[in-house]
Every structure is written in C-alpha cells, then in structure tokens.
N, C-alpha and C. Protein backbone atom coordinates (compact mmCIF):
# COMPACT_ATOMS: atom_id res chain seq x y z
N MET A 1 117.71 137.58 102.77
CA MET A 1 117.58 136.16 102.53
C MET A 1 116.40 135.93 101.58
N PRO A 2 116.62 135.20 100.48
CA PRO A 2 115.55 134.99 99.51
C PRO A 2 114.46 134.07 100.08
N GLU A 3 113.23 134.31 99.62
CA GLU A 3 112.12 133.48 100.06
C GLU A 3 112.17 132.14 99.32
N VAL A 4 111.83 131.09 100.05
CA VAL A 4 111.87 129.74 99.49
C VAL A 4 110.53 129.08 99.79
N SER A 5 109.98 128.38 98.81
CA SER A 5 108.71 127.69 99.04
C SER A 5 108.94 126.51 99.99
N LEU A 6 107.86 126.03 100.57
CA LEU A 6 107.94 124.90 101.48
C LEU A 6 108.49 123.66 100.76
N GLN A 7 108.06 123.45 99.53
CA GLN A 7 108.55 122.32 98.74
C GLN A 7 110.06 122.42 98.52
N GLN A 8 110.54 123.60 98.17
CA GLN A 8 111.98 123.79 97.96
C GLN A 8 112.75 123.57 99.26
N ALA A 9 112.20 124.05 100.36
CA ALA A 9 112.85 123.89 101.65
C ALA A 9 112.95 122.41 102.02
N LEU A 10 111.87 121.66 101.78
CA LEU A 10 111.89 120.23 102.09
C LEU A 10 112.88 119.48 101.19
N GLN A 11 112.92 119.85 99.91
CA GLN A 11 113.87 119.21 99.00
C GLN A 11 115.31 119.49 99.43
N GLN A 12 115.60 120.71 99.83
CA GLN A 12 116.95 121.04 100.30
C GLN A 12 117.28 120.26 101.56
N PHE A 13 116.31 120.14 102.47
CA PHE A 13 116.52 119.38 103.70
C PHE A 13 116.82 117.92 103.38
N LEU A 14 116.02 117.31 102.48
CA LEU A 14 116.21 115.90 102.14
C LEU A 14 117.54 115.66 101.44
N GLN A 15 117.98 116.60 100.60
CA GLN A 15 119.26 116.46 99.91
C GLN A 15 120.40 116.32 100.90
N ASN A 16 120.27 116.99 102.03
CA ASN A 16 121.35 117.03 103.01
C ASN A 16 121.14 116.08 104.18
N SER A 17 120.11 115.24 104.13
CA SER A 17 119.84 114.37 105.27
C SER A 17 119.93 112.90 104.87
N ARG A 18 120.00 112.04 105.87
CA ARG A 18 120.04 110.60 105.63
C ARG A 18 118.64 110.04 105.36
N LEU A 19 117.63 110.85 105.48
CA LEU A 19 116.26 110.40 105.24
C LEU A 19 115.93 110.27 103.76
N LYS A 20 116.76 110.83 102.92
CA LYS A 20 116.48 110.89 101.49
C LYS A 20 116.21 109.50 100.90
N GLN A 21 117.07 108.52 101.17
CA GLN A 21 116.87 107.19 100.60
C GLN A 21 115.63 106.52 101.16
N GLN A 22 115.30 106.78 102.41
CA GLN A 22 114.09 106.20 102.99
C GLN A 22 112.85 106.77 102.31
N VAL A 23 112.86 108.05 102.01
CA VAL A 23 111.76 108.67 101.30
C VAL A 23 111.67 108.11 99.89
N GLN A 24 112.81 107.96 99.22
CA GLN A 24 112.82 107.39 97.87
C GLN A 24 112.32 105.95 97.88
N ALA A 25 112.68 105.18 98.90
CA ALA A 25 112.21 103.79 99.00
C ALA A 25 110.69 103.75 99.13
N MET A 26 110.14 104.65 99.92
CA MET A 26 108.68 104.71 100.06
C MET A 26 108.03 105.11 98.74
N GLN A 27 108.64 106.05 98.02
CA GLN A 27 108.10 106.45 96.72
C GLN A 27 108.12 105.28 95.74
N ILE A 28 109.20 104.51 95.75
CA ILE A 28 109.31 103.36 94.85
C ILE A 28 108.23 102.33 95.18
N LYS A 29 108.02 102.06 96.46
CA LYS A 29 106.97 101.11 96.85
C LYS A 29 105.60 101.60 96.39
N ASP A 30 105.37 102.90 96.48
CA ASP A 30 104.10 103.46 96.03
C ASP A 30 103.95 103.36 94.52
N MET A 31 105.03 103.48 93.76
CA MET A 31 105.00 103.46 92.30
C MET A 31 105.05 102.05 91.72
N TRP A 32 105.39 101.06 92.53
CA TRP A 32 105.68 99.72 92.02
C TRP A 32 104.52 99.13 91.21
N GLU A 33 103.29 99.24 91.74
CA GLU A 33 102.15 98.68 91.02
C GLU A 33 101.91 99.39 89.69
N GLU A 34 102.06 100.70 89.70
CA GLU A 34 101.91 101.48 88.46
C GLU A 34 102.98 101.08 87.45
N LEU A 35 104.18 100.86 87.93
CA LEU A 35 105.30 100.53 87.05
C LEU A 35 105.20 99.11 86.49
N MET A 36 104.89 98.14 87.33
CA MET A 36 104.97 96.73 86.93
C MET A 36 103.61 96.07 86.73
N GLY A 37 102.55 96.68 87.18
CA GLY A 37 101.23 96.08 87.05
C GLY A 37 100.79 95.40 88.34
N LYS A 38 99.49 95.21 88.45
CA LYS A 38 98.91 94.68 89.69
C LYS A 38 99.35 93.24 90.00
N THR A 39 99.45 92.40 88.98
CA THR A 39 99.81 90.99 89.19
C THR A 39 101.23 90.86 89.73
N ILE A 40 102.17 91.51 89.08
CA ILE A 40 103.58 91.44 89.52
C ILE A 40 103.72 92.07 90.90
N ALA A 41 103.06 93.19 91.13
CA ALA A 41 103.12 93.84 92.44
C ALA A 41 102.56 92.93 93.53
N GLY A 42 101.53 92.15 93.18
CA GLY A 42 100.95 91.23 94.15
C GLY A 42 101.88 90.10 94.54
N TYR A 43 102.75 89.69 93.64
CA TYR A 43 103.70 88.61 93.92
C TYR A 43 105.07 89.10 94.37
N THR A 44 105.20 90.40 94.53
CA THR A 44 106.46 90.97 95.03
C THR A 44 106.38 90.98 96.55
N ASP A 45 107.32 90.30 97.20
CA ASP A 45 107.30 90.20 98.66
C ASP A 45 107.85 91.44 99.35
N ASP A 46 108.94 91.99 98.82
CA ASP A 46 109.56 93.14 99.48
C ASP A 46 110.38 93.94 98.47
N ILE A 47 110.48 95.24 98.74
CA ILE A 47 111.30 96.14 97.94
C ILE A 47 112.09 96.99 98.92
N GLN A 48 113.40 97.04 98.75
CA GLN A 48 114.25 97.85 99.62
C GLN A 48 115.23 98.64 98.77
N LEU A 49 115.51 99.87 99.20
CA LEU A 49 116.53 100.69 98.56
C LEU A 49 117.57 101.02 99.61
N ILE A 50 118.76 100.45 99.43
CA ILE A 50 119.85 100.67 100.38
C ILE A 50 121.09 101.03 99.58
N GLN A 51 121.63 102.20 99.85
CA GLN A 51 122.82 102.72 99.17
C GLN A 51 122.68 102.61 97.65
N ASN A 52 121.57 103.10 97.15
CA ASN A 52 121.26 103.16 95.71
C ASN A 52 121.13 101.79 95.06
N LYS A 53 121.01 100.74 95.85
CA LYS A 53 120.80 99.39 95.33
C LYS A 53 119.37 98.98 95.67
N LEU A 54 118.56 98.74 94.63
CA LEU A 54 117.18 98.32 94.81
C LEU A 54 117.14 96.80 94.86
N THR A 55 116.63 96.25 95.95
CA THR A 55 116.51 94.80 96.10
C THR A 55 115.03 94.45 96.05
N ILE A 56 114.68 93.59 95.10
CA ILE A 56 113.31 93.14 94.93
C ILE A 56 113.26 91.67 95.32
N THR A 57 112.36 91.31 96.24
CA THR A 57 112.26 89.94 96.72
C THR A 57 110.91 89.36 96.31
N THR A 58 110.96 88.14 95.75
CA THR A 58 109.75 87.41 95.40
C THR A 58 109.99 85.93 95.60
N HIS A 59 108.93 85.20 95.91
CA HIS A 59 109.04 83.75 96.09
C HIS A 59 108.65 82.98 94.83
N MET A 60 108.25 83.69 93.79
CA MET A 60 107.80 83.08 92.54
C MET A 60 108.99 82.99 91.56
N ALA A 61 109.42 81.77 91.26
CA ALA A 61 110.58 81.56 90.37
C ALA A 61 110.36 82.16 88.97
N PRO A 62 109.20 81.97 88.34
CA PRO A 62 109.03 82.57 87.01
C PRO A 62 109.10 84.10 87.03
N LEU A 63 108.55 84.70 88.08
CA LEU A 63 108.61 86.16 88.21
C LEU A 63 110.04 86.61 88.44
N LYS A 64 110.76 85.86 89.24
CA LYS A 64 112.16 86.18 89.50
C LYS A 64 112.95 86.21 88.19
N GLN A 65 112.71 85.23 87.34
CA GLN A 65 113.39 85.16 86.04
C GLN A 65 113.01 86.34 85.16
N GLU A 66 111.73 86.68 85.12
CA GLU A 66 111.26 87.80 84.32
C GLU A 66 111.87 89.12 84.81
N LEU A 67 111.92 89.30 86.12
CA LEU A 67 112.50 90.52 86.68
C LEU A 67 114.00 90.61 86.38
N LEU A 68 114.68 89.47 86.37
CA LEU A 68 116.11 89.47 86.03
C LEU A 68 116.33 90.03 84.63
N TYR A 69 115.45 89.66 83.70
CA TYR A 69 115.57 90.16 82.33
C TYR A 69 115.25 91.65 82.22
N GLN A 70 114.44 92.15 83.15
CA GLN A 70 113.99 93.54 83.07
C GLN A 70 114.73 94.49 84.01
N ARG A 71 115.80 94.06 84.62
CA ARG A 71 116.51 94.88 85.61
C ARG A 71 116.86 96.27 85.09
N GLU A 72 117.44 96.36 83.92
CA GLU A 72 117.87 97.65 83.37
C GLU A 72 116.66 98.54 83.10
N LYS A 73 115.61 97.96 82.56
CA LYS A 73 114.38 98.71 82.27
C LYS A 73 113.75 99.23 83.57
N ILE A 74 113.72 98.39 84.61
CA ILE A 74 113.17 98.79 85.91
C ILE A 74 113.97 99.96 86.47
N LYS A 75 115.28 99.84 86.42
CA LYS A 75 116.16 100.90 86.93
C LYS A 75 115.90 102.21 86.20
N ASN A 76 115.88 102.15 84.88
CA ASN A 76 115.69 103.37 84.09
C ASN A 76 114.32 104.01 84.32
N ARG A 77 113.28 103.19 84.37
CA ARG A 77 111.93 103.74 84.57
C ARG A 77 111.76 104.34 85.95
N LEU A 78 112.32 103.70 86.98
CA LEU A 78 112.22 104.26 88.33
C LEU A 78 112.97 105.58 88.43
N ASN A 79 114.17 105.63 87.88
CA ASN A 79 114.93 106.87 87.91
C ASN A 79 114.19 107.97 87.16
N GLU A 80 113.55 107.61 86.07
CA GLU A 80 112.77 108.59 85.31
C GLU A 80 111.57 109.08 86.13
N MET A 81 110.89 108.16 86.81
CA MET A 81 109.73 108.53 87.61
C MET A 81 110.12 109.38 88.82
N LEU A 82 111.31 109.13 89.36
CA LEU A 82 111.80 109.90 90.51
C LEU A 82 112.48 111.20 90.09
N ASN A 83 112.71 111.38 88.78
CA ASN A 83 113.43 112.54 88.25
C ASN A 83 114.81 112.69 88.87
N GLU A 84 115.45 111.53 89.10
CA GLU A 84 116.76 111.54 89.76
C GLU A 84 117.42 110.18 89.54
N TYR A 85 118.74 110.16 89.55
CA TYR A 85 119.47 108.90 89.43
C TYR A 85 119.61 108.29 90.82
N ALA A 86 118.51 107.73 91.32
CA ALA A 86 118.46 107.20 92.68
C ALA A 86 118.79 105.72 92.74
N VAL A 87 118.47 104.98 91.68
CA VAL A 87 118.70 103.54 91.64
C VAL A 87 119.87 103.27 90.71
N HIS A 88 120.96 102.75 91.26
CA HIS A 88 122.15 102.45 90.46
C HIS A 88 122.18 100.99 90.04
N GLU A 89 121.55 100.13 90.85
CA GLU A 89 121.61 98.69 90.59
C GLU A 89 120.30 98.06 91.06
N VAL A 90 119.86 97.02 90.36
CA VAL A 90 118.67 96.27 90.76
C VAL A 90 119.08 94.83 91.01
N VAL A 91 118.73 94.33 92.19
CA VAL A 91 119.05 92.96 92.58
C VAL A 91 117.73 92.24 92.80
N ILE A 92 117.63 91.03 92.25
CA ILE A 92 116.42 90.22 92.40
C ILE A 92 116.75 89.03 93.31
N LYS A 93 115.96 88.85 94.34
CA LYS A 93 116.14 87.71 95.26
C LYS A 93 114.88 86.90 95.33
C-alpha cells in the first residue's frame, strides 16, 4: 500500500464525504473579506453554500445591486481561490 500524506488522506476523505461543502462554505466565509474588501464584508449578513449554490444575504439595497452585477466575477474568483469548481451559481438576497 503506497504511503499517503495526511493532507492527501484528508482530501480523499473530504472528496467522498458530505462534509466537503460545509468545509468549502467555511473557507468561503474566511476568504470573503479578502475577496470583497472590509466594507462589503461588514455589510454582508450571511453566506451559505448549499448544493454548489452560494447565497449571499445583505440588508443594504445598494450593496445588493452591486453584488448582482458582480455575480459571475464572485463565482469565478471563489472557484479560483478554492482551486475547484465548487460554486456553480451565486444568489443575492
């Protein structure tokens, strides 16, 4: 049996488990401020990743409008940061 690093073992485990999206959701929440900036992150109420659909919730109408225009960019940058096609759709609420 070939030797596998701990990182590789964890990645293989996550690929085959239902925890994968929960881990990705936590990573996205951690990256959100870096991706969008401190001001936008401060006005973001919630971020959820469910079945490859990222839902961003904010109570600020102007921010909601700005995020609607940037949906494709947000999706592409997050997938790039995660090194995986994890976000298929971005929904703004």
